[in-house]
Amino acid sequence: MAHKKGSGSTKNGRDSNSQRLGIKKYGGELVNVGNIIVRQRGSRFKPGLNVKLAKDYTLFALANGEIVFKKRKKNHTIVSIITNKQNG
């Protein structure tokens, strides 16, 4: 019978904070200028019309309007924003 506590429990007590990645605004939703649309690592989602790619690959809105997702080849998706002026 051991007379010392096993050290495994003290060495295993770490965990990293979640990065909270993913889609923040979905297709058909209305966004304002500066709203974050997607947080990602790498550019799986590509910026389209009225969307800009930040240094950390975050996609954000450059105009007010409705979000549109379009699938492209190689598992990429184009994210665009359609404004009211473009609809009419």
PDB file of N, CA and C in Angstrom:
ATOM      1  N   MET A   1       0.841  -1.179   0.000  1.00  0.00           N
ATOM      2  CA  MET A   1       0.000   0.000   0.000  1.00  0.00           C
ATOM      3  C   MET A   1       0.884   1.239   0.000  1.00  0.00           C
ATOM      4  N   ALA A   2       0.571   2.184  -0.890  1.00  0.00           N
ATOM      5  CA  ALA A   2       1.398   3.385  -1.014  1.00  0.00           C
ATOM      6  C   ALA A   2       1.153   4.324   0.163  1.00  0.00           C
ATOM      7  N   HIS A   3       2.219   4.960   0.602  1.00  0.00           N
ATOM      8  CA  HIS A   3       2.102   5.927   1.685  1.00  0.00           C
ATOM      9  C   HIS A   3       2.214   7.354   1.189  1.00  0.00           C
ATOM     10  N   LYS A   4       2.379   7.554  -0.111  1.00  0.00           N
ATOM     11  CA  LYS A   4       2.409   8.892  -0.703  1.00  0.00           C
ATOM     12  C   LYS A   4       1.297   8.972  -1.743  1.00  0.00           C
ATOM     13  N   LYS A   5       0.742  10.165  -1.850  1.00  0.00           N
ATOM     14  CA  LYS A   5      -0.306  10.369  -2.844  1.00  0.00           C
ATOM     15  C   LYS A   5       0.306  10.306  -4.238  1.00  0.00           C
ATOM     16  N   GLY A   6      -0.379   9.663  -5.145  1.00  0.00           N
ATOM     17  CA  GLY A   6       0.124   9.594  -6.511  1.00  0.00           C
ATOM     18  C   GLY A   6       0.233  10.989  -7.118  1.00  0.00           C
ATOM     19  N   SER A   7       1.301  11.262  -7.855  1.00  0.00           N
ATOM     20  CA  SER A   7       1.529  12.610  -8.366  1.00  0.00           C
ATOM     21  C   SER A   7       0.806  12.864  -9.693  1.00  0.00           C
ATOM     22  N   GLY A   8       0.126  11.871 -10.230  1.00  0.00           N
ATOM     23  CA  GLY A   8      -0.548  12.061 -11.510  1.00  0.00           C
ATOM     24  C   GLY A   8      -1.635  13.106 -11.472  1.00  0.00           C
ATOM     25  N   SER A   9      -2.335  13.200 -10.357  1.00  0.00           N
ATOM     26  CA  SER A   9      -3.449  14.138 -10.289  1.00  0.00           C
ATOM     27  C   SER A   9      -2.963  15.582 -10.310  1.00  0.00           C
ATOM     28  N   THR A  10      -1.790  15.864  -9.773  1.00  0.00           N
ATOM     29  CA  THR A  10      -1.303  17.241  -9.788  1.00  0.00           C
ATOM     30  C   THR A  10      -0.657  17.594 -11.119  1.00  0.00           C
ATOM     31  N   LYS A  11      -0.159  16.627 -11.843  1.00  0.00           N
ATOM     32  CA  LYS A  11       0.468  16.920 -13.126  1.00  0.00           C
ATOM     33  C   LYS A  11      -0.550  17.040 -14.259  1.00  0.00           C
ATOM     34  N   ASN A  12      -1.750  16.527 -14.066  1.00  0.00           N
ATOM     35  CA  ASN A  12      -2.740  16.520 -15.138  1.00  0.00           C
ATOM     36  C   ASN A  12      -3.773  17.625 -15.031  1.00  0.00           C
ATOM     37  N   GLY A  13      -3.590  18.585 -14.150  1.00  0.00           N
ATOM     38  CA  GLY A  13      -4.645  19.551 -13.877  1.00  0.00           C
ATOM     39  C   GLY A  13      -4.696  20.751 -14.791  1.00  0.00           C
ATOM     40  N   ARG A  14      -4.087  20.702 -15.984  1.00  0.00           N
ATOM     41  CA  ARG A  14      -4.068  21.862 -16.871  1.00  0.00           C
ATOM     42  C   ARG A  14      -5.004  21.649 -18.053  1.00  0.00           C
ATOM     43  N   ASP A  15      -5.518  22.765 -18.557  1.00  0.00           N
ATOM     44  CA  ASP A  15      -6.288  22.738 -19.785  1.00  0.00           C
ATOM     45  C   ASP A  15      -6.271  24.131 -20.373  1.00  0.00           C
ATOM     46  N   SER A  16      -6.259  24.235 -21.691  1.00  0.00           N
ATOM     47  CA  SER A  16      -6.227  25.550 -22.326  1.00  0.00           C
ATOM     48  C   SER A  16      -7.643  26.122 -22.412  1.00  0.00           C
ATOM     49  N   ASN A  17      -7.712  27.442 -22.472  1.00  0.00           N
ATOM     50  CA  ASN A  17      -8.995  28.104 -22.643  1.00  0.00           C
ATOM     51  C   ASN A  17      -9.494  27.879 -24.060  1.00  0.00           C
ATOM     52  N   SER A  18     -10.811  27.759 -24.216  1.00  0.00           N
ATOM     53  CA  SER A  18     -11.370  27.550 -25.547  1.00  0.00           C
ATOM     54  C   SER A  18     -11.166  28.812 -26.384  1.00  0.00           C
ATOM     55  N   GLN A  19     -11.010  28.644 -27.689  1.00  0.00           N
ATOM     56  CA  GLN A  19     -10.721  29.776 -28.567  1.00  0.00           C
ATOM     57  C   GLN A  19     -11.974  30.416 -29.144  1.00  0.00           C
ATOM     58  N   ARG A  20     -13.116  29.797 -28.963  1.00  0.00           N
ATOM     59  CA  ARG A  20     -14.402  30.328 -29.394  1.00  0.00           C
ATOM     60  C   ARG A  20     -14.425  30.660 -30.896  1.00  0.00           C
ATOM     61  N   LEU A  21     -13.997  29.683 -31.677  1.00  0.00           N
ATOM     62  CA  LEU A  21     -13.965  29.835 -33.127  1.00  0.00           C
ATOM     63  C   LEU A  21     -15.312  29.437 -33.710  1.00  0.00           C
ATOM     64  N   GLY A  22     -15.504  29.759 -34.985  1.00  0.00           N
ATOM     65  CA  GLY A  22     -16.695  29.313 -35.692  1.00  0.00           C
ATOM     66  C   GLY A  22     -17.479  30.454 -36.288  1.00  0.00           C
ATOM     67  N   ILE A  23     -18.638  30.123 -36.826  1.00  0.00           N
ATOM     68  CA  ILE A  23     -19.498  31.105 -37.477  1.00  0.00           C
ATOM     69  C   ILE A  23     -20.268  31.861 -36.398  1.00  0.00           C
ATOM     70  N   LYS A  24     -20.212  33.182 -36.448  1.00  0.00           N
ATOM     71  CA  LYS A  24     -20.905  34.022 -35.481  1.00  0.00           C
ATOM     72  C   LYS A  24     -22.222  34.572 -36.037  1.00  0.00           C
ATOM     73  N   LYS A  25     -22.282  34.774 -37.348  1.00  0.00           N
ATOM     74  CA  LYS A  25     -23.505  35.230 -38.015  1.00  0.00           C
ATOM     75  C   LYS A  25     -23.765  34.299 -39.190  1.00  0.00           C
ATOM     76  N   TYR A  26     -24.992  33.834 -39.322  1.00  0.00           N
ATOM     77  CA  TYR A  26     -25.333  32.833 -40.336  1.00  0.00           C
ATOM     78  C   TYR A  26     -25.979  33.476 -41.560  1.00  0.00           C
ATOM     79  N   GLY A  27     -26.113  32.704 -42.623  1.00  0.00           N
ATOM     80  CA  GLY A  27     -26.695  33.181 -43.865  1.00  0.00           C
ATOM     81  C   GLY A  27     -28.105  33.698 -43.663  1.00  0.00           C
ATOM     82  N   GLY A  28     -28.408  34.840 -44.270  1.00  0.00           N
ATOM     83  CA  GLY A  28     -29.721  35.456 -44.135  1.00  0.00           C
ATOM     84  C   GLY A  28     -29.820  36.440 -42.983  1.00  0.00           C
ATOM     85  N   GLU A  29     -28.853  36.428 -42.083  1.00  0.00           N
ATOM     86  CA  GLU A  29     -28.875  37.370 -40.963  1.00  0.00           C
ATOM     87  C   GLU A  29     -28.416  38.745 -41.428  1.00  0.00           C
ATOM     88  N   LEU A  30     -28.938  39.781 -40.774  1.00  0.00           N
ATOM     89  CA  LEU A  30     -28.529  41.147 -41.057  1.00  0.00           C
ATOM     90  C   LEU A  30     -27.348  41.504 -40.173  1.00  0.00           C
ATOM     91  N   VAL A  31     -26.360  42.196 -40.761  1.00  0.00           N
ATOM     92  CA  VAL A  31     -25.175  42.606 -40.016  1.00  0.00           C
ATOM     93  C   VAL A  31     -24.942  44.094 -40.204  1.00  0.00           C
ATOM     94  N   ASN A  32     -24.206  44.672 -39.265  1.00  0.00           N
ATOM     95  CA  ASN A  32     -23.789  46.065 -39.348  1.00  0.00           C
ATOM     96  C   ASN A  32     -22.294  46.112 -39.643  1.00  0.00           C
ATOM     97  N   VAL A  33     -21.818  47.293 -40.008  1.00  0.00           N
ATOM     98  CA  VAL A  33     -20.399  47.468 -40.303  1.00  0.00           C
ATOM     99  C   VAL A  33     -19.576  47.081 -39.076  1.00  0.00           C
ATOM    100  N   GLY A  34     -18.551  46.266 -39.285  1.00  0.00           N
ATOM    101  CA  GLY A  34     -17.659  45.867 -38.206  1.00  0.00           C
ATOM    102  C   GLY A  34     -18.052  44.600 -37.480  1.00  0.00           C
ATOM    103  N   ASN A  35     -19.233  44.072 -37.747  1.00  0.00           N
ATOM    104  CA  ASN A  35     -19.644  42.835 -37.087  1.00  0.00           C
ATOM    105  C   ASN A  35     -18.758  41.675 -37.516  1.00  0.00           C
ATOM    106  N   ILE A  36     -18.397  40.830 -36.568  1.00  0.00           N
ATOM    107  CA  ILE A  36     -17.610  39.639 -36.873  1.00  0.00           C
ATOM    108  C   ILE A  36     -18.545  38.564 -37.411  1.00  0.00           C
ATOM    109  N   ILE A  37     -18.171  37.983 -38.548  1.00  0.00           N
ATOM    110  CA  ILE A  37     -18.996  36.959 -39.180  1.00  0.00           C
ATOM    111  C   ILE A  37     -18.452  35.568 -38.858  1.00  0.00           C
ATOM    112  N   VAL A  38     -17.144  35.362 -39.031  1.00  0.00           N
ATOM    113  CA  VAL A  38     -16.528  34.055 -38.795  1.00  0.00           C
ATOM    114  C   VAL A  38     -15.192  34.263 -38.089  1.00  0.00           C
ATOM    115  N   ARG A  39     -14.941  33.471 -37.061  1.00  0.00           N
ATOM    116  CA  ARG A  39     -13.608  33.386 -36.468  1.00  0.00           C
ATOM    117  C   ARG A  39     -13.046  32.027 -36.852  1.00  0.00           C
ATOM    118  N   GLN A  40     -11.822  32.012 -37.394  1.00  0.00           N
ATOM    119  CA  GLN A  40     -11.286  30.774 -37.939  1.00  0.00           C
ATOM    120  C   GLN A  40      -9.768  30.764 -37.841  1.00  0.00           C
ATOM    121  N   ARG A  41      -9.203  29.580 -37.995  1.00  0.00           N
ATOM    122  CA  ARG A  41      -7.752  29.410 -38.108  1.00  0.00           C
ATOM    123  C   ARG A  41      -7.475  28.976 -39.535  1.00  0.00           C
ATOM    124  N   GLY A  42      -6.812  29.804 -40.297  1.00  0.00           N
ATOM    125  CA  GLY A  42      -6.657  29.554 -41.724  1.00  0.00           C
ATOM    126  C   GLY A  42      -7.882  30.086 -42.444  1.00  0.00           C
ATOM    127  N   SER A  43      -7.822  30.131 -43.766  1.00  0.00           N
ATOM    128  CA  SER A  43      -8.904  30.788 -44.514  1.00  0.00           C
ATOM    129  C   SER A  43      -9.799  29.767 -45.205  1.00  0.00           C
ATOM    130  N   ARG A  44     -10.506  28.979 -44.430  1.00  0.00           N
ATOM    131  CA  ARG A  44     -11.488  28.062 -45.014  1.00  0.00           C
ATOM    132  C   ARG A  44     -12.652  28.855 -45.603  1.00  0.00           C
ATOM    133  N   PHE A  45     -13.079  29.893 -44.896  1.00  0.00           N
ATOM    134  CA  PHE A  45     -14.090  30.813 -45.404  1.00  0.00           C
ATOM    135  C   PHE A  45     -13.366  31.994 -46.028  1.00  0.00           C
ATOM    136  N   LYS A  46     -13.665  32.270 -47.308  1.00  0.00           N
ATOM    137  CA  LYS A  46     -12.989  33.340 -48.039  1.00  0.00           C
ATOM    138  C   LYS A  46     -13.871  34.587 -48.058  1.00  0.00           C
ATOM    139  N   PRO A  47     -13.261  35.772 -48.027  1.00  0.00           N
ATOM    140  CA  PRO A  47     -14.054  37.003 -48.084  1.00  0.00           C
ATOM    141  C   PRO A  47     -14.564  37.268 -49.494  1.00  0.00           C
ATOM    142  N   GLY A  48     -15.808  37.688 -49.576  1.00  0.00           N
ATOM    143  CA  GLY A  48     -16.408  38.070 -50.848  1.00  0.00           C
ATOM    144  C   GLY A  48     -16.712  39.551 -50.843  1.00  0.00           C
ATOM    145  N   LEU A  49     -17.861  39.914 -51.380  1.00  0.00           N
ATOM    146  CA  LEU A  49     -18.283  41.302 -51.495  1.00  0.00           C
ATOM    147  C   LEU A  49     -18.593  41.879 -50.116  1.00  0.00           C
ATOM    148  N   ASN A  50     -18.031  43.038 -49.810  1.00  0.00           N
ATOM    149  CA  ASN A  50     -18.261  43.767 -48.558  1.00  0.00           C
ATOM    150  C   ASN A  50     -17.810  43.010 -47.311  1.00  0.00           C
ATOM    151  N   VAL A  51     -16.854  42.099 -47.465  1.00  0.00           N
ATOM    152  CA  VAL A  51     -16.304  41.349 -46.330  1.00  0.00           C
ATOM    153  C   VAL A  51     -14.788  41.448 -46.407  1.00  0.00           C
ATOM    154  N   LYS A  52     -14.141  41.603 -45.259  1.00  0.00           N
ATOM    155  CA  LYS A  52     -12.685  41.725 -45.203  1.00  0.00           C
ATOM    156  C   LYS A  52     -12.109  40.647 -44.298  1.00  0.00           C
ATOM    157  N   LEU A  53     -10.867  40.228 -44.610  1.00  0.00           N
ATOM    158  CA  LEU A  53     -10.150  39.214 -43.855  1.00  0.00           C
ATOM    159  C   LEU A  53      -9.151  39.910 -42.939  1.00  0.00           C
ATOM    160  N   ALA A  54      -9.240  39.651 -41.642  1.00  0.00           N
ATOM    161  CA  ALA A  54      -8.330  40.264 -40.677  1.00  0.00           C
ATOM    162  C   ALA A  54      -7.036  39.466 -40.598  1.00  0.00           C
ATOM    163  N   LYS A  55      -6.081  39.969 -39.829  1.00  0.00           N
ATOM    164  CA  LYS A  55      -4.760  39.348 -39.706  1.00  0.00           C
ATOM    165  C   LYS A  55      -4.846  37.940 -39.130  1.00  0.00           C
ATOM    166  N   ASP A  56      -5.810  37.704 -38.227  1.00  0.00           N
ATOM    167  CA  ASP A  56      -5.980  36.377 -37.627  1.00  0.00           C
ATOM    168  C   ASP A  56      -7.038  35.551 -38.358  1.00  0.00           C
ATOM    169  N   TYR A  57      -7.319  35.884 -39.621  1.00  0.00           N
ATOM    170  CA  TYR A  57      -8.254  35.186 -40.504  1.00  0.00           C
ATOM    171  C   TYR A  57      -9.719  35.367 -40.108  1.00  0.00           C
ATOM    172  N   THR A  58     -10.010  36.301 -39.238  1.00  0.00           N
ATOM    173  CA  THR A  58     -11.399  36.611 -38.901  1.00  0.00           C
ATOM    174  C   THR A  58     -12.042  37.356 -40.063  1.00  0.00           C
ATOM    175  N   LEU A  59     -13.279  36.987 -40.405  1.00  0.00           N
ATOM    176  CA  LEU A  59     -14.030  37.710 -41.425  1.00  0.00           C
ATOM    177  C   LEU A  59     -14.969  38.696 -40.744  1.00  0.00           C
ATOM    178  N   PHE A  60     -14.968  39.954 -41.241  1.00  0.00           N
ATOM    179  CA  PHE A  60     -15.858  40.956 -40.656  1.00  0.00           C
ATOM    180  C   PHE A  60     -16.507  41.784 -41.753  1.00  0.00           C
ATOM    181  N   ALA A  61     -17.607  42.445 -41.386  1.00  0.00           N
ATOM    182  CA  ALA A  61     -18.447  43.156 -42.346  1.00  0.00           C
ATOM    183  C   ALA A  61     -17.906  44.554 -42.631  1.00  0.00           C
ATOM    184  N   LEU A  62     -17.948  44.941 -43.909  1.00  0.00           N
ATOM    185  CA  LEU A  62     -17.582  46.293 -44.326  1.00  0.00           C
ATOM    186  C   LEU A  62     -18.800  47.138 -44.670  1.00  0.00           C
ATOM    187  N   ALA A  63     -19.976  46.529 -44.658  1.00  0.00           N
ATOM    188  CA  ALA A  63     -21.212  47.246 -45.004  1.00  0.00           C
ATOM    189  C   ALA A  63     -22.380  46.628 -44.243  1.00  0.00           C
ATOM    190  N   ASN A  64     -23.458  47.387 -44.138  1.00  0.00           N
ATOM    191  CA  ASN A  64     -24.691  46.865 -43.562  1.00  0.00           C
ATOM    192  C   ASN A  64     -25.414  46.047 -44.625  1.00  0.00           C
ATOM    193  N   GLY A  65     -25.975  44.920 -44.229  1.00  0.00           N
ATOM    194  CA  GLY A  65     -26.712  44.114 -45.197  1.00  0.00           C
ATOM    195  C   GLY A  65     -26.938  42.698 -44.718  1.00  0.00           C
ATOM    196  N   GLU A  66     -27.235  41.825 -45.667  1.00  0.00           N
ATOM    197  CA  GLU A  66     -27.573  40.429 -45.388  1.00  0.00           C
ATOM    198  C   GLU A  66     -26.423  39.517 -45.813  1.00  0.00           C
ATOM    199  N   ILE A  67     -26.124  38.531 -44.995  1.00  0.00           N
ATOM    200  CA  ILE A  67     -25.013  37.623 -45.260  1.00  0.00           C
ATOM    201  C   ILE A  67     -25.438  36.525 -46.229  1.00  0.00           C
ATOM    202  N   VAL A  68     -24.534  36.207 -47.171  1.00  0.00           N
ATOM    203  CA  VAL A  68     -24.757  35.131 -48.135  1.00  0.00           C
ATOM    204  C   VAL A  68     -23.518  34.245 -48.142  1.00  0.00           C
ATOM    205  N   PHE A  69     -23.711  32.926 -47.982  1.00  0.00           N
ATOM    206  CA  PHE A  69     -22.639  31.946 -48.062  1.00  0.00           C
ATOM    207  C   PHE A  69     -22.767  31.198 -49.386  1.00  0.00           C
ATOM    208  N   LYS A  70     -21.671  31.107 -50.145  1.00  0.00           N
ATOM    209  CA  LYS A  70     -21.673  30.362 -51.407  1.00  0.00           C
ATOM    210  C   LYS A  70     -20.564  29.331 -51.358  1.00  0.00           C
ATOM    211  N   LYS A  71     -20.908  28.054 -51.622  1.00  0.00           N
ATOM    212  CA  LYS A  71     -19.923  26.976 -51.614  1.00  0.00           C
ATOM    213  C   LYS A  71     -19.091  27.021 -52.893  1.00  0.00           C
ATOM    214  N   ARG A  72     -17.795  26.785 -52.723  1.00  0.00           N
ATOM    215  CA  ARG A  72     -16.860  26.695 -53.843  1.00  0.00           C
ATOM    216  C   ARG A  72     -16.071  25.399 -53.724  1.00  0.00           C
ATOM    217  N   LYS A  73     -15.249  25.106 -54.705  1.00  0.00           N
ATOM    218  CA  LYS A  73     -14.469  23.875 -54.685  1.00  0.00           C
ATOM    219  C   LYS A  73     -13.405  23.906 -53.592  1.00  0.00           C
ATOM    220  N   LYS A  74     -12.829  22.762 -53.309  1.00  0.00           N
ATOM    221  CA  LYS A  74     -11.775  22.575 -52.315  1.00  0.00           C
ATOM    222  C   LYS A  74     -12.209  22.980 -50.908  1.00  0.00           C
ATOM    223  N   ASN A  75     -13.451  22.712 -50.573  1.00  0.00           N
ATOM    224  CA  ASN A  75     -13.951  22.922 -49.212  1.00  0.00           C
ATOM    225  C   ASN A  75     -13.879  24.381 -48.777  1.00  0.00           C
ATOM    226  N   HIS A  76     -13.950  25.310 -49.732  1.00  0.00           N
ATOM    227  CA  HIS A  76     -13.954  26.727 -49.414  1.00  0.00           C
ATOM    228  C   HIS A  76     -15.354  27.295 -49.600  1.00  0.00           C
ATOM    229  N   THR A  77     -15.659  28.295 -48.818  1.00  0.00           N
ATOM    230  CA  THR A  77     -16.943  28.964 -48.895  1.00  0.00           C
ATOM    231  C   THR A  77     -16.697  30.463 -48.988  1.00  0.00           C
ATOM    232  N   ILE A  78     -17.380  31.131 -49.913  1.00  0.00           N
ATOM    233  CA  ILE A  78     -17.268  32.575 -50.076  1.00  0.00           C
ATOM    234  C   ILE A  78     -18.361  33.224 -49.238  1.00  0.00           C
ATOM    235  N   VAL A  79     -17.974  34.196 -48.412  1.00  0.00           N
ATOM    236  CA  VAL A  79     -18.922  34.912 -47.569  1.00  0.00           C
ATOM    237  C   VAL A  79     -19.048  36.332 -48.108  1.00  0.00           C
ATOM    238  N   SER A  80     -20.266  36.732 -48.461  1.00  0.00           N
ATOM    239  CA  SER A  80     -20.525  38.065 -49.007  1.00  0.00           C
ATOM    240  C   SER A  80     -21.642  38.727 -48.228  1.00  0.00           C
ATOM    241  N   ILE A  81     -21.723  40.044 -48.391  1.00  0.00           N
ATOM    242  CA  ILE A  81     -22.820  40.803 -47.793  1.00  0.00           C
ATOM    243  C   ILE A  81     -23.540  41.548 -48.917  1.00  0.00           C
ATOM    244  N   ILE A  82     -24.835  41.319 -49.004  1.00  0.00           N
ATOM    245  CA  ILE A  82     -25.668  41.998 -50.000  1.00  0.00           C
ATOM    246  C   ILE A  82     -26.366  43.166 -49.307  1.00  0.00           C
ATOM    247  N   THR A  83     -26.109  44.371 -49.806  1.00  0.00           N
ATOM    248  CA  THR A  83     -26.732  45.559 -49.215  1.00  0.00           C
ATOM    249  C   THR A  83     -28.086  45.814 -49.866  1.00  0.00           C
ATOM    250  N   ASN A  84     -28.865  46.704 -49.276  1.00  0.00           N
ATOM    251  CA  ASN A  84     -30.188  47.018 -49.811  1.00  0.00           C
ATOM    252  C   ASN A  84     -30.094  47.658 -51.195  1.00  0.00           C
ATOM    253  N   LYS A  85     -29.041  48.432 -51.456  1.00  0.00           N
ATOM    254  CA  LYS A  85     -28.867  49.082 -52.753  1.00  0.00           C
ATOM    255  C   LYS A  85     -28.649  48.051 -53.843  1.00  0.00           C
ATOM    256  N   GLN A  86     -27.978  46.944 -53.528  1.00  0.00           N
ATOM    257  CA  GLN A  86     -27.707  45.909 -54.530  1.00  0.00           C
ATOM    258  C   GLN A  86     -28.938  45.066 -54.802  1.00  0.00           C
ATOM    259  N   ASN A  87     -29.861  44.970 -53.828  1.00  0.00           N
ATOM    260  CA  ASN A  87     -31.087  44.182 -54.033  1.00  0.00           C
ATOM    261  C   ASN A  87     -32.034  44.860 -55.006  1.00  0.00           C
ATOM    262  N   GLY A  88     -32.154  46.189 -54.908  1.00  0.00           N
ATOM    263  CA  GLY A  88     -33.145  46.903 -55.703  1.00  0.00           C
ATOM    264  C   GLY A  88     -32.529  47.487 -56.889  1.00  0.00           C
TER     265      GLY A  88
END
